[in-house]
Protein backbone atom coordinates (compact mmCIF):
# COMPACT_ATOMS: atom_id res chain seq x y z
CA MET A 1 116.38 146.17 59.14
CA ILE A 2 119.83 148.70 58.66
CA ASN A 3 119.87 150.82 55.74
CA SER A 4 123.35 151.96 55.68
CA LEU A 5 126.66 151.63 57.81
CA GLU A 6 129.49 154.15 57.75
CA ILE A 7 132.38 153.84 59.64
CA LYS A 8 135.44 156.38 59.91
CA ASN A 9 138.99 156.02 61.97
CA PHE A 10 137.75 152.51 63.19
CA GLN A 11 140.42 149.78 63.03
CA SER A 12 141.36 149.47 59.07
CA HIS A 13 138.39 151.35 58.38
CA LYS A 14 139.60 155.13 57.72
CA ASN A 15 136.24 156.09 55.82
CA THR A 16 134.01 153.63 54.70
CA LYS A 17 130.47 153.55 53.82
CA ILE A 18 128.15 150.32 53.21
CA ASP A 19 124.64 149.85 51.55
CA PHE A 20 122.73 147.08 52.26
CA CYS A 21 119.72 145.53 50.37
CA PRO A 22 116.90 144.10 52.11
CA GLY A 23 116.80 140.52 53.29
CA LEU A 24 120.11 138.45 54.06
CA ASN A 25 123.50 140.13 53.54
CA VAL A 26 126.67 138.44 53.57
CA ILE A 27 130.19 140.05 53.52
CA ALA A 28 132.76 138.70 51.64
CA GLY A 29 136.19 139.24 50.91
CA ALA A 30 140.05 138.21 50.94
CA SER A 31 141.87 137.63 54.54
CA ASP A 32 142.52 141.02 56.54
CA SER A 33 140.33 143.10 54.44
CA GLY A 34 138.52 144.54 57.15
CA LYS A 35 135.64 141.98 57.08
CA SER A 36 135.51 141.44 60.67
CA SER A 37 136.10 144.94 61.86
CA ILE A 38 132.66 145.99 60.10
CA LEU A 39 131.02 143.42 62.40
CA ARG A 40 132.94 144.83 65.77
CA ALA A 41 132.23 148.07 64.41
CA ILE A 42 127.91 147.52 64.60
CA GLY A 43 128.76 145.92 68.07
CA TRP A 44 130.64 148.96 69.49
CA LEU A 45 127.54 150.68 68.67
CA ILE A 46 124.93 148.61 69.31
CA LYS A 47 126.55 146.71 72.66
CA ASN A 48 129.37 149.09 73.79
CA ARG A 49 132.00 146.29 73.12
CA PRO A 50 134.93 146.51 71.94
CA SER A 51 135.84 149.13 74.41
CA GLY A 52 139.20 151.23 74.79
CA ASP A 53 141.39 152.31 72.15
CA ALA A 54 141.91 149.18 70.27
CA ILE A 55 138.78 150.49 67.93
CA ARG A 56 141.21 153.29 66.73
CA ASN A 57 142.66 153.08 63.45
CA TRP A 58 146.34 152.84 63.45
CA ASP A 59 146.75 156.30 61.13
CA CYS A 60 145.09 158.93 63.14
CA LYS A 61 145.89 160.56 66.07
CA LYS A 62 144.51 160.53 69.88
CA ASN A 63 141.71 163.29 69.31
CA ASP A 64 140.56 162.67 65.90
CA PRO A 65 136.80 161.14 65.97
CA VAL A 66 136.12 157.78 65.76
CA THR A 67 132.30 157.74 64.27
CA VAL A 68 129.90 154.65 63.09
CA THR A 69 126.66 155.99 61.69
CA ILE A 70 124.04 153.58 61.37
CA SER A 71 121.15 154.38 58.85
CA LEU A 72 117.44 152.27 59.33
CA GLU A 73 113.40 152.59 58.71
CA ASP A 74 111.34 153.10 61.92
CA ASN A 75 107.92 153.43 60.67
CA ASN A 76 108.53 153.92 57.26
CA LYS A 77 111.28 157.00 57.81
CA GLU A 78 114.42 157.30 57.61
CA GLU A 79 116.62 157.66 61.08
CA THR A 80 120.63 157.44 61.63
CA ILE A 81 122.06 156.59 65.05
CA THR A 82 125.83 157.70 65.21
CA LYS A 83 128.39 156.76 67.92
CA GLU A 84 131.38 159.23 68.52
CA ARG A 85 134.83 158.68 70.39
CA ILE A 86 137.05 161.74 70.91
CA GLY A 87 140.12 160.96 73.08
CA SER A 88 138.49 158.81 75.56
CA THR A 89 134.64 160.20 75.49
CA SER A 90 132.10 158.78 73.75
CA LYS A 91 128.53 160.09 72.98
CA TYR A 92 125.75 158.94 70.85
CA VAL A 93 123.69 161.09 68.66
CA SER A 94 120.21 160.36 67.30
CA SER A 95 118.18 162.13 64.07
CA LYS A 96 115.07 161.31 66.40
CA PHE A 97 115.98 162.09 70.12
CA GLY A 98 119.20 164.13 69.94
CA ALA A 99 122.17 163.61 71.63
CA LEU A 100 121.90 160.69 74.75
CA ASP A 101 123.88 160.78 77.76
CA VAL A 102 126.26 157.66 78.17
CA ILE A 103 126.43 156.21 81.64
CA GLY A 104 129.25 153.77 82.47
CA ARG A 105 129.51 150.87 79.72
CA ASP A 106 125.37 151.00 79.52
CA VAL A 107 124.17 151.65 75.55
CA PRO A 108 120.84 154.34 76.16
CA GLU A 109 117.73 152.72 76.41
CA GLU A 110 116.61 154.60 73.41
CA VAL A 111 119.43 153.36 71.04
CA THR A 112 118.75 149.66 72.15
CA ARG A 113 114.58 150.23 71.41
CA LEU A 114 115.39 151.74 68.09
CA LEU A 115 117.67 149.35 66.50
CA ASN A 116 115.74 146.38 67.64
CA LEU A 117 119.23 144.23 67.03
CA SER A 118 120.19 140.68 68.75
CA GLU A 119 122.50 138.01 68.53
CA PRO A 120 120.95 136.10 65.91
CA SER A 121 120.93 139.31 63.70
CA PHE A 122 124.63 138.85 62.85
CA GLN A 123 126.90 135.68 62.29
CA THR A 124 130.50 135.10 61.57
CA GLN A 125 132.56 132.68 59.56
CA HIS A 126 133.26 130.71 62.55
CA ASP A 127 129.89 130.61 64.52
CA ALA A 128 127.63 127.76 64.37
CA TYR A 129 125.10 127.14 62.14
CA PHE A 130 121.66 129.18 63.05
CA LEU A 131 119.19 126.65 64.96
CA LEU A 132 120.51 124.03 63.20
CA ASN A 133 122.83 122.69 65.71
CA ASP A 134 120.95 123.81 68.37
CA SER A 135 118.79 121.41 70.72
CA PRO A 136 114.77 121.46 70.26
CA GLY A 137 114.44 123.54 73.69
CA SER A 138 116.88 125.93 72.38
CA ILE A 139 115.23 126.57 69.33
CA ALA A 140 111.51 126.83 70.82
CA LYS A 141 113.58 129.46 72.86
CA THR A 142 114.64 131.21 70.20
CA LEU A 143 111.92 131.73 68.01
CA ASN A 144 109.70 132.95 71.21
CA ASP A 145 112.19 135.47 71.20
CA LEU A 146 111.93 136.28 67.50
CA VAL A 147 108.46 136.63 67.69
CA GLY A 148 107.77 137.98 70.97
CA LEU A 149 106.43 135.12 72.99
CA SER A 150 108.93 135.39 75.15
CA ILE A 151 106.92 138.08 77.17
CA ILE A 152 104.01 135.60 77.71
CA ASP A 153 106.53 133.09 79.03
CA THR A 154 108.17 136.04 81.36
CA ILE A 155 104.45 137.39 82.34
CA PHE A 156 103.62 133.20 83.08
CA LYS A 157 107.00 133.26 85.42
CA ASN A 158 106.28 136.40 87.00
CA ILE A 159 102.45 135.81 88.01
CA ASN A 160 103.12 132.25 89.24
CA SER A 161 106.13 133.82 91.56
CA GLN A 162 103.57 136.64 92.73
CA ALA A 163 100.87 133.72 93.12
CA LEU A 164 103.46 131.87 95.38
CA ALA A 165 104.44 134.71 97.25
CA SER A 166 100.88 135.39 97.55
CA LYS A 167 99.82 131.60 98.97
CA ARG A 168 102.68 132.24 101.46
CA ARG A 169 101.61 135.44 102.83
CA VAL A 170 97.88 134.05 103.38
CA GLU A 171 99.45 130.97 105.01
CA GLU A 172 101.52 133.38 107.46
CA SER A 173 98.54 135.83 108.08
CA GLN A 174 96.27 132.84 108.83
CA ASN A 175 98.67 131.44 111.11
CA SER A 176 98.96 135.14 112.92
CA VAL A 177 95.22 134.91 113.43
CA LYS A 178 95.32 131.16 115.05
CA SER A 179 98.05 132.47 117.31
CA LEU A 180 96.19 135.97 118.34
CA GLN A 181 93.35 133.52 118.60
CA ILE A 182 94.67 131.35 121.25
CA GLU A 183 95.97 134.65 122.92
CA ILE A 184 92.70 136.21 122.80
CA ASP A 185 91.43 132.71 124.76
CA LYS A 186 94.36 132.72 127.37
CA LEU A 187 92.68 136.27 128.39
CA GLN A 188 89.30 135.33 128.93
CA TYR A 189 89.11 135.69 132.70
CA LEU A 190 89.43 139.66 132.56
CA ASP A 191 85.74 140.25 132.34
CA SER A 192 85.18 138.69 135.91
CA LEU A 193 88.40 140.12 137.17
CA ASP A 194 87.27 143.80 135.70
CA LYS A 195 84.00 143.56 137.92
CA GLU A 196 86.42 142.53 141.03
CA LEU A 197 88.87 145.20 140.61
CA THR A 198 85.55 147.71 140.72
CA GLU A 199 84.21 146.21 144.24
CA ALA A 200 87.59 146.26 145.39
CA GLY A 201 88.33 150.21 144.18
CA GLN A 202 84.95 151.00 146.37
CA LEU A 203 86.10 149.32 149.19
CA LEU A 204 89.24 150.75 149.02
CA GLU A 205 87.95 154.23 149.08
CA THR A 206 85.70 153.67 152.04
CA LEU A 207 88.59 152.87 153.85
CA ASN A 208 90.86 155.94 152.80
CA THR A 209 87.53 157.97 154.32
CA LYS A 210 87.59 155.90 157.44
CA LYS A 211 91.26 156.46 157.86
CA VAL A 212 91.49 159.97 157.78
CA ARG A 213 88.88 160.66 159.93
CA LEU A 214 90.95 157.95 162.45
CA ASP A 215 94.29 160.55 161.35
CA GLY A 216 92.09 163.45 162.43
CA LEU A 217 91.35 162.44 165.84
CA SER A 218 94.48 160.94 166.51
CA TYR A 219 95.59 164.40 165.86
CA ILE A 220 93.13 166.26 168.18
CA LEU A 221 94.21 163.31 171.18
CA GLN A 222 98.21 164.15 170.51
CA GLY A 223 97.54 167.85 170.67
CA ILE A 224 95.81 167.76 174.22
CA ASP A 225 98.52 165.71 175.48
CA ASN A 226 101.29 167.99 173.96
CA THR A 227 99.07 171.04 175.64
CA GLU A 228 99.38 169.43 179.16
CA GLY A 229 103.29 167.96 178.83
CA GLY A 230 103.99 172.01 177.51
CA LEU A 231 101.95 173.51 180.60
CA ALA A 232 103.89 171.24 183.37
CA GLN A 233 107.33 171.83 181.84
CA ILE A 234 106.71 175.71 181.80
CA LYS A 235 106.21 175.47 185.79
CA LYS A 236 109.38 173.89 186.27
CA ILE A 237 111.39 176.52 183.88
CA LEU A 238 110.09 179.67 185.56
CA PRO A 239 112.50 178.94 189.29
CA ALA A 240 115.71 178.61 186.71
CA GLU A 241 115.15 181.47 184.44
CA LYS A 242 116.71 184.08 186.65
CA GLU A 243 120.02 181.82 186.70
CA VAL A 244 120.24 181.63 182.90
CA VAL A 245 120.13 185.26 182.19
CA VAL A 246 122.76 185.57 185.50
CA ILE A 247 124.76 182.89 183.31
CA LYS A 248 124.57 184.54 179.69
CA ASN A 249 126.06 187.76 181.26
CA LYS A 250 128.93 186.22 182.60
CA GLN A 251 129.81 184.60 179.18
CA GLN A 252 129.50 187.74 177.41
CA ARG A 253 131.98 188.90 179.88
CA LEU A 254 133.99 186.02 179.23
CA SER A 255 133.60 186.36 175.89
CA ILE A 256 135.11 189.73 175.81
CA LEU A 257 137.90 189.40 178.11
CA GLN A 258 138.98 186.41 175.31
CA THR A 259 139.06 188.08 172.51
CA LYS A 260 141.10 191.78 174.36
CA HIS A 261 143.42 188.78 175.44
CA SER A 262 144.17 187.63 171.81
CA GLN A 263 144.70 191.21 170.74
CA ILE A 264 147.48 191.73 173.16
CA THR A 265 148.42 188.43 172.26
CA ASN A 266 148.71 189.14 168.45
CA LEU A 267 149.98 192.88 169.39
CA ILE A 268 152.92 191.36 171.79
CA LYS A 269 154.06 188.70 168.65
CA SER A 270 154.34 191.54 166.30
CA ILE A 271 156.53 193.41 168.41
CA GLU A 272 159.42 190.51 168.76
CA GLU A 273 159.02 190.06 165.35
CA SER A 274 159.78 193.76 164.72
CA ILE A 275 162.89 193.81 166.97
CA THR A 276 164.44 190.69 165.21
CA ARG A 277 164.46 192.20 162.05
CA LEU A 278 165.54 195.56 163.55
CA ASP A 279 168.52 192.96 164.78
CA GLU A 280 169.00 191.23 161.60
CA GLU A 281 169.37 194.91 159.57
CA LYS A 282 171.97 195.79 162.12
CA GLU A 283 174.09 192.78 161.71
CA TRP A 284 173.72 192.97 157.95
CA LEU A 285 174.69 196.82 158.08
CA THR A 286 178.06 195.90 159.78
CA ILE A 287 179.33 193.49 157.03
CA GLU A 288 177.52 195.48 154.21
CA LYS A 289 180.91 197.79 153.58
CA PRO A 290 183.64 194.88 153.00
CA PHE A 291 181.66 192.91 150.98
CA LEU A 292 181.20 195.35 148.58
CA ALA A 293 184.25 196.35 148.79
CA VAL A 294 185.23 192.80 147.92
CA LYS A 295 182.69 192.59 145.08
CA LYS A 296 184.16 195.72 143.23
CA LYS A 297 187.64 193.83 143.70
CA VAL A 298 186.15 190.81 142.02
CA THR A 299 184.72 192.84 139.09
CA GLN A 300 187.62 194.41 138.48
CA LEU A 301 189.38 191.05 138.53
CA GLU A 302 187.12 189.84 136.12
CA GLU A 303 187.51 192.48 133.66
CA LEU A 304 191.26 192.03 133.74
CA LYS A 305 190.55 187.96 132.71
CA SER A 306 188.93 189.37 130.09
CA ARG A 307 191.57 191.41 129.08
CA GLU A 308 193.94 189.07 129.05
CA ASN A 309 191.90 186.61 127.03
CA ILE A 310 191.52 188.95 124.33
CA LEU A 311 195.12 189.97 124.50
CA LYS A 312 196.00 185.85 124.25
CA ARG A 313 193.81 185.90 121.25
CA LEU A 314 195.66 188.59 119.59
CA VAL A 315 199.04 187.35 119.93
CA GLU A 316 197.52 184.51 118.27
CA ARG A 317 196.29 185.60 115.75
CA CYS A 318 199.56 187.65 115.22
CA VAL A 319 201.58 184.35 115.25
CA SER A 320 199.35 182.58 112.74
CA THR A 321 199.67 185.45 110.67
CA LYS A 322 203.42 185.57 110.58
CA GLU A 323 203.65 181.98 109.89
CA LEU A 324 201.48 182.41 106.81
CA ILE A 325 203.68 185.12 105.57
CA GLU A 326 206.65 183.36 106.53
CA GLY A 327 205.15 180.35 104.12
CA THR A 328 204.33 182.72 101.34
CA VAL A 329 207.26 184.42 100.99
CA GLU A 330 209.02 180.76 101.16
CA LYS A 331 206.70 179.93 98.35
CA ILE A 332 207.38 183.04 95.97
CA SER A 333 211.22 182.54 96.62
CA LYS A 334 210.46 178.96 94.92
CA ALA A 335 208.25 180.14 92.36
CA LYS A 336 210.87 182.45 91.44
CA ILE A 337 213.84 180.08 91.45
CA GLU A 338 212.16 177.84 89.06
CA PHE A 339 210.67 180.74 86.94
CA LYS A 340 214.31 181.89 86.09
CA ASP A 341 215.16 178.26 85.38
CA THR A 342 212.66 177.91 83.02
CA LEU A 343 213.65 180.83 81.11
CA LYS A 344 216.66 179.90 80.95
CA ARG A 345 215.85 176.40 79.85
CA ASN A 346 213.75 177.54 77.21
CA LYS A 347 215.84 180.82 76.34
CA VAL A 348 212.81 182.31 73.89
CA CYS A 349 209.60 184.32 75.13
CA PRO A 350 207.00 181.77 74.68
CA VAL A 351 204.49 185.05 73.64
CA CYS A 352 206.71 186.99 71.45
CA PHE A 353 209.63 184.51 70.54
CA ARG A 354 212.48 186.77 70.87
CA PRO A 355 215.13 185.32 72.44
CA PHE A 356 216.60 185.90 76.45
CA ASP A 357 219.76 186.96 77.86
CA LYS A 358 221.03 186.73 81.27
CA LYS A 359 220.10 190.45 81.84
CA THR A 360 216.82 190.24 80.42
CA ILE A 361 215.91 187.16 82.66
CA GLU A 362 217.18 188.82 85.88
CA GLY A 363 215.04 191.41 85.15
CA MET A 364 211.93 189.51 84.68
CA VAL A 365 212.52 187.49 87.44
CA GLU A 366 213.18 191.00 90.31
C-alpha cells in the first residue's frame, strides 16, 4: 500500500506531497486542478507512461529534474522509490536496492516487485465500475489475479502443454522404433552373406597364391626365350660392327667440315656488312658540310623572325599607349573647360565662399 506521494515539476504540479490513508483513497477537486496528473505521475513511475517531454511542468527549464517519489511499507519497513528525469535521461533510485538501470522503456523488475500494483489498483472518473460491468468469466479471472490463483492456472496450462509435447515426442519415438525395426528385418540376410564372403575370401587367397607361382614360371620361360634370341642377334651384328665404326668416323669429319663452312659464311657476311656501312658513312660525309651550313642559316632566320615578332609587339604597345595618352589629354581638356564653366557660373568658392574674378578662375584652371 502507498503511504505518500511526492511530485516535483510534473505537468501542473510544481511541488506537491500527498499522504494516503489505509484502504480506499478518493482524489476530488475542481476541473483542471491536477487530479489526473496525480494518476499520470503514479503511472509514469510504475508503467513508464506517459513518455517524452509532455510530463515536464511548463514553468521549469529543460535541465530541471522531474521527480516522482512513492513511500510504502514492505515487511513493516518503510521504503521509498524515486523516478527522476533530467533532460532526456531517466533513472530509478530505491532505498532498498539503490540506483537501478533503465533499459529502453522497461521498468526495472525490482520496482515492479516492490510496488506490486496493477490496473485494478487505480480507477478514474471515466472508467467503468470495477467488476460490476464485467462478465462472470472476467470477474473470476480478476479475482484469481488478486488472490494469486492465476499462478495455479498458469501452472496447469504449462503442465498440459508439456504433457502434450511429451505425448507427441513419445509417439514420434515409437514411430521411429517401428521404422528402424523394418530396416533391421530387411538386413537379416547379412549373416548368411558374411559366411559366403568368408569362403570367397579364402578361395581368392588360394587363387592369388597360384597366380603368383604361375607368373614366376612365365617370367623364367620368357627369360630363356630372350637369351636365345639375343645370342642369334649378336651373331648377326658382329660382321657389321666394322662398317659401323667407319661410318661414325666419316660422320665426325663431315660435322667438322660443316662447322668450318658455317664460320666462313658468317665471316663473309660480317665483312659485307662492314663494307656497306663504310659506303654509307662516306656518302654522309660528302653531304654533311652543305647540310650544316643550311642548318646554321635556318637557325639565324628563326632568330630574326623572333626579333621581328618582339619589335611588332613593342610597336603595337607604343601605338596603344599613344592612343591612351591622347584620350587622357582630351579628357583633361574637357574637364578643364567644364571646371572653368562651373567656376564662372558659381562665382563663389564652395569651400571658403569667397568671390571669384576672371584672373583667379584662369589661375585655378591652369
